[in-house]
Amino acid sequence: NKRREIIIKDQIADVYGGEFASGKSEVSINRALNLRNKRKVPIILVDFDLVNPFYTLRPIKSKLESLGLKVITWERNTFMGLGEASSIVRPDMRWALSQNGDIIIDVGYGTHGAKIFKLLEGIDKNNLKIYGVINICKPLTSTPHQIVDYVKEFGRIDGIINNSHWGDKTDLTIINDGIKVVSEASKILGIPVIATTVEKKLAERIGPFDFMGNPIWPLTLYMKDAYW
């Protein structure tokens, strides 16, 4: 099918991973919605969290789909179980990369989350872009050398996203500290900083770029409604 070949050739396929509470799900959602506003192909957001199913996209699936995304995840009314015992891989999750459109994959936290790459089928995995979402307010990624060790343990990473925050206490000092620390880790690793992600109101005070020249990606916060 000629149309299918055109879409697949131009396909964006991003994977977002990071430590617990790094904000990877928030970044994934905002990235998907940003693409939805710019691209004329379906945007598929895949919830591939097999580590801790408590923090997933399931509770906000309907809301996200009302905004124009296709969300692949278990639905709350068809899923029962506790903790990791309730994590089952659906075929449409494993084969998400074979679908027409742009694919954004939100994986489980920590280095365990990276193991899902072995389960993905559909296209050449070398075409994937894998991004590490870093929050320096978390103990495992609070210094440049901790970030370096974490990224190396995680495996392949094509870019780093600075998403340093401390919930409602986030201010410009925390954001700027994150920019400094993540940028230093980036230089050691030789892996680029793709963006600094900031809640929309604070992003307006910074401008289109942070003081290191990295693009600012404004975030609308959706995951506050996703904890059940």
C-alpha atoms as a PDB file:
ATOM      1  CA  ASN A   1       0.000   0.000   0.000  1.00  0.00           C
ATOM      2  CA  LYS A   2       1.633   3.223  -1.208  1.00  0.00           C
ATOM      3  CA  ARG A   3       0.028   5.417   1.484  1.00  0.00           C
ATOM      4  CA  ARG A   4       1.230   3.065   4.229  1.00  0.00           C
ATOM      5  CA  GLU A   5       4.804   3.163   2.882  1.00  0.00           C
ATOM      6  CA  ILE A   6       4.793   6.986   2.875  1.00  0.00           C
ATOM      7  CA  ILE A   7       3.556   7.211   6.454  1.00  0.00           C
ATOM      8  CA  ILE A   8       5.953   4.584   7.795  1.00  0.00           C
ATOM      9  CA  LYS A   9       8.910   6.219   6.028  1.00  0.00           C
ATOM     10  CA  ASP A  10       8.117   9.522   7.754  1.00  0.00           C
ATOM     11  CA  GLN A  11       7.116   7.900  11.037  1.00  0.00           C
ATOM     12  CA  ILE A  12       8.189   9.360  14.368  1.00  0.00           C
ATOM     13  CA  ALA A  13       8.774   6.653  16.971  1.00  0.00           C
ATOM     14  CA  ASP A  14       9.877   7.954  20.380  1.00  0.00           C
ATOM     15  CA  VAL A  15      10.391   6.058  23.623  1.00  0.00           C
ATOM     16  CA  TYR A  16      10.509   7.930  26.950  1.00  0.00           C
ATOM     17  CA  GLY A  17      11.999   6.351  30.038  1.00  0.00           C
ATOM     18  CA  GLY A  18      13.362   7.540  33.348  1.00  0.00           C
ATOM     19  CA  GLU A  19      13.484   7.082  37.077  1.00  0.00           C
ATOM     20  CA  PHE A  20      10.380   6.949  39.286  1.00  0.00           C
ATOM     21  CA  ALA A  21       8.662  10.389  39.331  1.00  0.00           C
ATOM     22  CA  SER A  22      10.985  11.737  36.649  1.00  0.00           C
ATOM     23  CA  GLY A  23       7.927  12.955  34.755  1.00  0.00           C
ATOM     24  CA  LYS A  24       8.345  10.663  31.741  1.00  0.00           C
ATOM     25  CA  SER A  25       4.595  10.067  31.411  1.00  0.00           C
ATOM     26  CA  GLU A  26       3.879  13.800  31.468  1.00  0.00           C
ATOM     27  CA  VAL A  27       6.553  14.371  28.833  1.00  0.00           C
ATOM     28  CA  SER A  28       5.165  11.523  26.706  1.00  0.00           C
ATOM     29  CA  ILE A  29       1.632  12.916  26.817  1.00  0.00           C
ATOM     30  CA  ASN A  30       2.696  16.436  25.935  1.00  0.00           C
ATOM     31  CA  ARG A  31       4.919  15.216  23.116  1.00  0.00           C
ATOM     32  CA  ALA A  32       2.033  13.206  21.660  1.00  0.00           C
ATOM     33  CA  LEU A  33      -0.381  16.138  21.876  1.00  0.00           C
ATOM     34  CA  ASN A  34       2.177  18.480  20.345  1.00  0.00           C
ATOM     35  CA  LEU A  35       2.521  16.111  17.388  1.00  0.00           C
ATOM     36  CA  ARG A  36      -1.259  15.872  17.158  1.00  0.00           C
ATOM     37  CA  ASN A  37      -1.404  19.624  16.569  1.00  0.00           C
ATOM     38  CA  LYS A  38       1.330  19.571  13.911  1.00  0.00           C
ATOM     39  CA  ARG A  39       1.066  16.320  11.982  1.00  0.00           C
ATOM     40  CA  LYS A  40      -1.599  14.926   9.668  1.00  0.00           C
ATOM     41  CA  VAL A  41      -1.149  11.303  10.711  1.00  0.00           C
ATOM     42  CA  PRO A  42      -2.637   9.354  13.638  1.00  0.00           C
ATOM     43  CA  ILE A  43      -0.750   9.812  16.914  1.00  0.00           C
ATOM     44  CA  ILE A  44      -0.570   6.649  19.028  1.00  0.00           C
ATOM     45  CA  LEU A  45       0.399   6.888  22.702  1.00  0.00           C
ATOM     46  CA  VAL A  46       1.406   3.518  24.172  1.00  0.00           C
ATOM     47  CA  ASP A  47       1.325   2.824  27.908  1.00  0.00           C
ATOM     48  CA  PHE A  48       4.077   0.210  28.239  1.00  0.00           C
ATOM     49  CA  ASP A  49       4.635   0.444  31.990  1.00  0.00           C
ATOM     50  CA  LEU A  50       5.245  -3.120  33.157  1.00  0.00           C
ATOM     51  CA  VAL A  51       7.128  -2.090  36.296  1.00  0.00           C
ATOM     52  CA  ASN A  52       4.533  -0.339  38.447  1.00  0.00           C
ATOM     53  CA  PRO A  53       1.017  -0.429  36.991  1.00  0.00           C
ATOM     54  CA  PHE A  54      -0.259   1.942  39.688  1.00  0.00           C
ATOM     55  CA  TYR A  55       1.082   4.961  37.802  1.00  0.00           C
ATOM     56  CA  THR A  56      -0.234   4.522  34.279  1.00  0.00           C
ATOM     57  CA  LEU A  57      -2.293   6.280  31.636  1.00  0.00           C
ATOM     58  CA  ARG A  58      -5.359   4.089  32.176  1.00  0.00           C
ATOM     59  CA  PRO A  59      -7.353   6.520  34.351  1.00  0.00           C
ATOM     60  CA  ILE A  60      -7.013   9.317  31.781  1.00  0.00           C
ATOM     61  CA  LYS A  61      -7.346   7.233  28.592  1.00  0.00           C
ATOM     62  CA  SER A  62     -10.755   8.668  27.705  1.00  0.00           C
ATOM     63  CA  LYS A  63      -9.611  12.229  28.325  1.00  0.00           C
ATOM     64  CA  LEU A  64      -6.548  11.825  26.124  1.00  0.00           C
ATOM     65  CA  GLU A  65      -8.559  10.216  23.360  1.00  0.00           C
ATOM     66  CA  SER A  66     -11.014  13.092  23.475  1.00  0.00           C
ATOM     67  CA  LEU A  67      -8.022  15.317  22.644  1.00  0.00           C
ATOM     68  CA  GLY A  68      -7.347  13.357  19.465  1.00  0.00           C
ATOM     69  CA  LEU A  69      -4.865  10.660  20.523  1.00  0.00           C
ATOM     70  CA  LYS A  70      -5.159   6.927  20.140  1.00  0.00           C
ATOM     71  CA  VAL A  71      -4.127   5.453  23.497  1.00  0.00           C
ATOM     72  CA  ILE A  72      -3.062   1.827  23.786  1.00  0.00           C
ATOM     73  CA  THR A  73      -3.422   0.693  27.375  1.00  0.00           C
ATOM     74  CA  TRP A  74      -5.625  -1.475  29.534  1.00  0.00           C
ATOM     75  CA  GLU A  75      -8.903   0.137  30.463  1.00  0.00           C
ATOM     76  CA  ARG A  76      -9.843   0.420  34.119  1.00  0.00           C
ATOM     77  CA  ASN A  77     -13.116  -1.479  33.762  1.00  0.00           C
ATOM     78  CA  THR A  78     -11.444  -4.469  32.041  1.00  0.00           C
ATOM     79  CA  PHE A  79      -8.352  -4.810  34.218  1.00  0.00           C
ATOM     80  CA  MET A  80      -8.119  -6.380  37.647  1.00  0.00           C
ATOM     81  CA  GLY A  81      -5.182  -7.307  39.837  1.00  0.00           C
ATOM     82  CA  LEU A  82      -2.654  -5.935  42.269  1.00  0.00           C
ATOM     83  CA  GLY A  83       0.847  -4.661  41.616  1.00  0.00           C
ATOM     84  CA  GLU A  84       3.075  -6.355  39.098  1.00  0.00           C
ATOM     85  CA  ALA A  85       0.831  -9.433  39.032  1.00  0.00           C
ATOM     86  CA  SER A  86      -1.630  -7.389  36.971  1.00  0.00           C
ATOM     87  CA  SER A  87       0.875  -6.515  34.203  1.00  0.00           C
ATOM     88  CA  ILE A  88       0.055  -8.348  30.996  1.00  0.00           C
ATOM     89  CA  VAL A  89       1.338  -7.394  27.551  1.00  0.00           C
ATOM     90  CA  ARG A  90      -1.444  -7.019  25.012  1.00  0.00           C
ATOM     91  CA  PRO A  91      -0.722  -7.808  21.331  1.00  0.00           C
ATOM     92  CA  ASP A  92      -1.531  -4.227  20.283  1.00  0.00           C
ATOM     93  CA  MET A  93       1.109  -2.993  22.751  1.00  0.00           C
ATOM     94  CA  ARG A  94       3.784  -5.336  21.465  1.00  0.00           C
ATOM     95  CA  TRP A  95       3.002  -4.549  17.822  1.00  0.00           C
ATOM     96  CA  ALA A  96       2.310  -0.808  18.264  1.00  0.00           C
ATOM     97  CA  LEU A  97       5.242   0.087  16.013  1.00  0.00           C
ATOM     98  CA  SER A  98       3.567  -1.610  13.058  1.00  0.00           C
ATOM     99  CA  GLN A  99       0.701   0.892  13.027  1.00  0.00           C
ATOM    100  CA  ASN A 100       0.420   3.837  10.663  1.00  0.00           C
ATOM    101  CA  GLY A 101       1.143   7.134  12.351  1.00  0.00           C
ATOM    102  CA  ASP A 102       3.540   8.500  14.940  1.00  0.00           C
ATOM    103  CA  ILE A 103       4.218   6.364  18.005  1.00  0.00           C
ATOM    104  CA  ILE A 104       5.033   7.666  21.484  1.00  0.00           C
ATOM    105  CA  ILE A 105       5.870   4.968  24.046  1.00  0.00           C
ATOM    106  CA  ASP A 106       5.861   5.584  27.803  1.00  0.00           C
ATOM    107  CA  VAL A 107       7.862   2.819  29.501  1.00  0.00           C
ATOM    108  CA  GLY A 108       8.110   1.792  33.135  1.00  0.00           C
ATOM    109  CA  TYR A 109      10.507   3.583  35.438  1.00  0.00           C
ATOM    110  CA  GLY A 110      14.114   2.670  36.086  1.00  0.00           C
ATOM    111  CA  THR A 111      16.450   0.403  34.185  1.00  0.00           C
ATOM    112  CA  HIS A 112      13.843  -2.377  34.369  1.00  0.00           C
ATOM    113  CA  GLY A 113      11.654  -0.298  32.080  1.00  0.00           C
ATOM    114  CA  ALA A 114      14.283  -0.527  29.345  1.00  0.00           C
ATOM    115  CA  LYS A 115      13.734  -4.268  29.112  1.00  0.00           C
ATOM    116  CA  ILE A 116      10.482  -3.692  27.211  1.00  0.00           C
ATOM    117  CA  PHE A 117      12.505  -2.994  24.050  1.00  0.00           C
ATOM    118  CA  LYS A 118      12.986  -6.749  23.758  1.00  0.00           C
ATOM    119  CA  LEU A 119       9.201  -7.152  23.521  1.00  0.00           C
ATOM    120  CA  LEU A 120       8.555  -4.589  20.793  1.00  0.00           C
ATOM    121  CA  GLU A 121       7.868  -5.812  17.268  1.00  0.00           C
ATOM    122  CA  GLY A 122       6.954  -4.063  14.030  1.00  0.00           C
ATOM    123  CA  ILE A 123       9.811  -2.015  12.555  1.00  0.00           C
ATOM    124  CA  ASP A 124      13.583  -1.877  12.706  1.00  0.00           C
ATOM    125  CA  LYS A 125      14.278  -0.893  16.305  1.00  0.00           C
ATOM    126  CA  ASN A 126      17.250   1.156  15.132  1.00  0.00           C
ATOM    127  CA  ASN A 127      14.690   3.680  13.880  1.00  0.00           C
ATOM    128  CA  LEU A 128      13.472   4.298  17.416  1.00  0.00           C
ATOM    129  CA  LYS A 129      14.565   7.386  19.302  1.00  0.00           C
ATOM    130  CA  ILE A 130      15.040   6.611  22.989  1.00  0.00           C
ATOM    131  CA  TYR A 131      15.054   9.512  25.431  1.00  0.00           C
ATOM    132  CA  GLY A 132      15.962   9.574  29.111  1.00  0.00           C
ATOM    133  CA  VAL A 133      13.862  11.935  31.233  1.00  0.00           C
ATOM    134  CA  ILE A 134      15.959  13.238  34.140  1.00  0.00           C
ATOM    135  CA  ASN A 135      14.756  14.935  37.327  1.00  0.00           C
ATOM    136  CA  ILE A 136      17.645  16.040  39.570  1.00  0.00           C
ATOM    137  CA  CYS A 137      15.262  16.212  42.533  1.00  0.00           C
ATOM    138  CA  LYS A 138      15.256  12.403  42.666  1.00  0.00           C
ATOM    139  CA  PRO A 139      18.050  10.741  44.708  1.00  0.00           C
ATOM    140  CA  LEU A 140      19.331   8.440  41.941  1.00  0.00           C
ATOM    141  CA  THR A 141      19.805  11.273  39.431  1.00  0.00           C
ATOM    142  CA  SER A 142      20.698  14.319  41.531  1.00  0.00           C
ATOM    143  CA  THR A 143      24.332  14.799  40.426  1.00  0.00           C
ATOM    144  CA  PRO A 144      26.094  14.658  37.048  1.00  0.00           C
ATOM    145  CA  HIS A 145      27.932  11.442  37.922  1.00  0.00           C
ATOM    146  CA  GLN A 146      24.759   9.769  39.192  1.00  0.00           C
ATOM    147  CA  ILE A 147      23.044  10.648  35.924  1.00  0.00           C
ATOM    148  CA  VAL A 148      25.998   9.267  33.956  1.00  0.00           C
ATOM    149  CA  ASP A 149      25.889   5.988  35.895  1.00  0.00           C
ATOM    150  CA  TYR A 150      22.119   5.770  35.550  1.00  0.00           C
ATOM    151  CA  VAL A 151      22.122   6.371  31.788  1.00  0.00           C
ATOM    152  CA  LYS A 152      24.898   3.833  31.248  1.00  0.00           C
ATOM    153  CA  GLU A 153      22.944   1.231  33.217  1.00  0.00           C
ATOM    154  CA  PHE A 154      19.776   2.068  31.320  1.00  0.00           C
ATOM    155  CA  GLY A 155      21.461   1.188  28.043  1.00  0.00           C
ATOM    156  CA  ARG A 156      20.956   2.953  24.757  1.00  0.00           C
ATOM    157  CA  ILE A 157      19.853   6.592  25.056  1.00  0.00           C
ATOM    158  CA  ASP A 158      19.664   8.932  22.047  1.00  0.00           C
ATOM    159  CA  GLY A 159      18.994  12.098  24.013  1.00  0.00           C
ATOM    160  CA  ILE A 160      18.385  13.490  27.497  1.00  0.00           C
ATOM    161  CA  ILE A 161      15.460  15.616  28.624  1.00  0.00           C
ATOM    162  CA  ASN A 162      15.863  17.819  31.686  1.00  0.00           C
ATOM    163  CA  ASN A 163      12.556  17.638  33.554  1.00  0.00           C
ATOM    164  CA  SER A 164      13.777  18.769  36.978  1.00  0.00           C
ATOM    165  CA  HIS A 165      10.858  19.559  39.267  1.00  0.00           C
ATOM    166  CA  TRP A 166       9.610  19.214  42.823  1.00  0.00           C
ATOM    167  CA  GLY A 167       5.848  19.210  42.365  1.00  0.00           C
ATOM    168  CA  ASP A 168       4.139  22.376  43.551  1.00  0.00           C
ATOM    169  CA  LYS A 169       7.450  23.579  45.027  1.00  0.00           C
ATOM    170  CA  THR A 170       9.092  23.824  41.608  1.00  0.00           C
ATOM    171  CA  ASP A 171      10.636  27.236  40.930  1.00  0.00           C
ATOM    172  CA  LEU A 172      13.179  28.762  38.567  1.00  0.00           C
ATOM    173  CA  THR A 173      16.041  27.854  40.924  1.00  0.00           C
ATOM    174  CA  ILE A 174      15.224  24.143  40.679  1.00  0.00           C
ATOM    175  CA  ILE A 175      14.845  24.383  36.909  1.00  0.00           C
ATOM    176  CA  ASN A 176      18.140  26.232  36.469  1.00  0.00           C
ATOM    177  CA  ASP A 177      19.964  23.806  38.774  1.00  0.00           C
ATOM    178  CA  GLY A 178      18.595  20.996  36.620  1.00  0.00           C
ATOM    179  CA  ILE A 179      19.847  22.668  33.467  1.00  0.00           C
ATOM    180  CA  LYS A 180      23.380  22.934  34.924  1.00  0.00           C
ATOM    181  CA  VAL A 181      23.543  19.383  36.267  1.00  0.00           C
ATOM    182  CA  VAL A 182      21.966  17.687  33.252  1.00  0.00           C
ATOM    183  CA  SER A 183      24.114  19.687  30.824  1.00  0.00           C
ATOM    184  CA  GLU A 184      27.280  18.598  32.649  1.00  0.00           C
ATOM    185  CA  ALA A 185      26.175  14.958  32.514  1.00  0.00           C
ATOM    186  CA  SER A 186      25.383  15.382  28.821  1.00  0.00           C
ATOM    187  CA  LYS A 187      28.944  16.525  28.111  1.00  0.00           C
ATOM    188  CA  ILE A 188      30.446  13.570  29.975  1.00  0.00           C
ATOM    189  CA  LEU A 189      28.191  11.104  28.170  1.00  0.00           C
ATOM    190  CA  GLY A 190      28.410  12.722  24.760  1.00  0.00           C
ATOM    191  CA  ILE A 191      24.623  12.549  24.514  1.00  0.00           C
ATOM    192  CA  PRO A 192      22.689  15.712  23.613  1.00  0.00           C
ATOM    193  CA  VAL A 193      20.137  17.476  25.779  1.00  0.00           C
ATOM    194  CA  ILE A 194      17.005  17.495  23.620  1.00  0.00           C
ATOM    195  CA  ALA A 195      14.984  19.914  25.735  1.00  0.00           C
ATOM    196  CA  THR A 196      14.187  21.342  29.133  1.00  0.00           C
ATOM    197  CA  THR A 197      10.572  20.616  29.977  1.00  0.00           C
ATOM    198  CA  VAL A 198       8.785  23.085  32.237  1.00  0.00           C
ATOM    199  CA  GLU A 199       5.206  23.536  33.442  1.00  0.00           C
ATOM    200  CA  LYS A 200       3.550  26.044  31.148  1.00  0.00           C
ATOM    201  CA  LYS A 201       3.306  29.017  33.535  1.00  0.00           C
ATOM    202  CA  LEU A 202       7.004  28.818  34.428  1.00  0.00           C
ATOM    203  CA  ALA A 203       7.958  28.190  30.805  1.00  0.00           C
ATOM    204  CA  GLU A 204       6.440  31.551  29.885  1.00  0.00           C
ATOM    205  CA  ARG A 205       8.909  33.229  32.269  1.00  0.00           C
ATOM    206  CA  ILE A 206      11.920  31.535  30.664  1.00  0.00           C
ATOM    207  CA  GLY A 207      11.254  31.900  26.954  1.00  0.00           C
ATOM    208  CA  PRO A 208      11.869  29.538  24.031  1.00  0.00           C
ATOM    209  CA  PHE A 209      15.354  28.458  25.214  1.00  0.00           C
ATOM    210  CA  ASP A 210      17.071  27.875  28.545  1.00  0.00           C
ATOM    211  CA  PHE A 211      20.363  29.610  29.406  1.00  0.00           C
ATOM    212  CA  MET A 212      22.341  26.730  27.842  1.00  0.00           C
ATOM    213  CA  GLY A 213      20.488  27.147  24.546  1.00  0.00           C
ATOM    214  CA  ASN A 214      18.290  24.055  24.912  1.00  0.00           C
ATOM    215  CA  PRO A 215      14.693  24.328  23.661  1.00  0.00           C
ATOM    216  CA  ILE A 216      12.006  24.815  26.305  1.00  0.00           C
ATOM    217  CA  TRP A 217       9.069  22.417  25.973  1.00  0.00           C
ATOM    218  CA  PRO A 218       6.080  23.783  27.943  1.00  0.00           C
ATOM    219  CA  LEU A 219       4.083  21.127  29.792  1.00  0.00           C
ATOM    220  CA  THR A 220       0.404  20.925  30.588  1.00  0.00           C
ATOM    221  CA  LEU A 221       0.035  18.608  33.583  1.00  0.00           C
ATOM    222  CA  TYR A 222      -2.308  15.656  33.048  1.00  0.00           C
ATOM    223  CA  MET A 223      -0.966  12.942  35.347  1.00  0.00           C
ATOM    224  CA  LYS A 224      -2.376  14.564  38.506  1.00  0.00           C
ATOM    225  CA  ASP A 225      -5.703  12.973  37.465  1.00  0.00           C
ATOM    226  CA  ALA A 226      -4.141   9.575  36.765  1.00  0.00           C
ATOM    227  CA  TYR A 227      -3.468   8.267  40.299  1.00  0.00           C
ATOM    228  CA  TRP A 228      -6.032   5.848  41.625  1.00  0.00           C
END
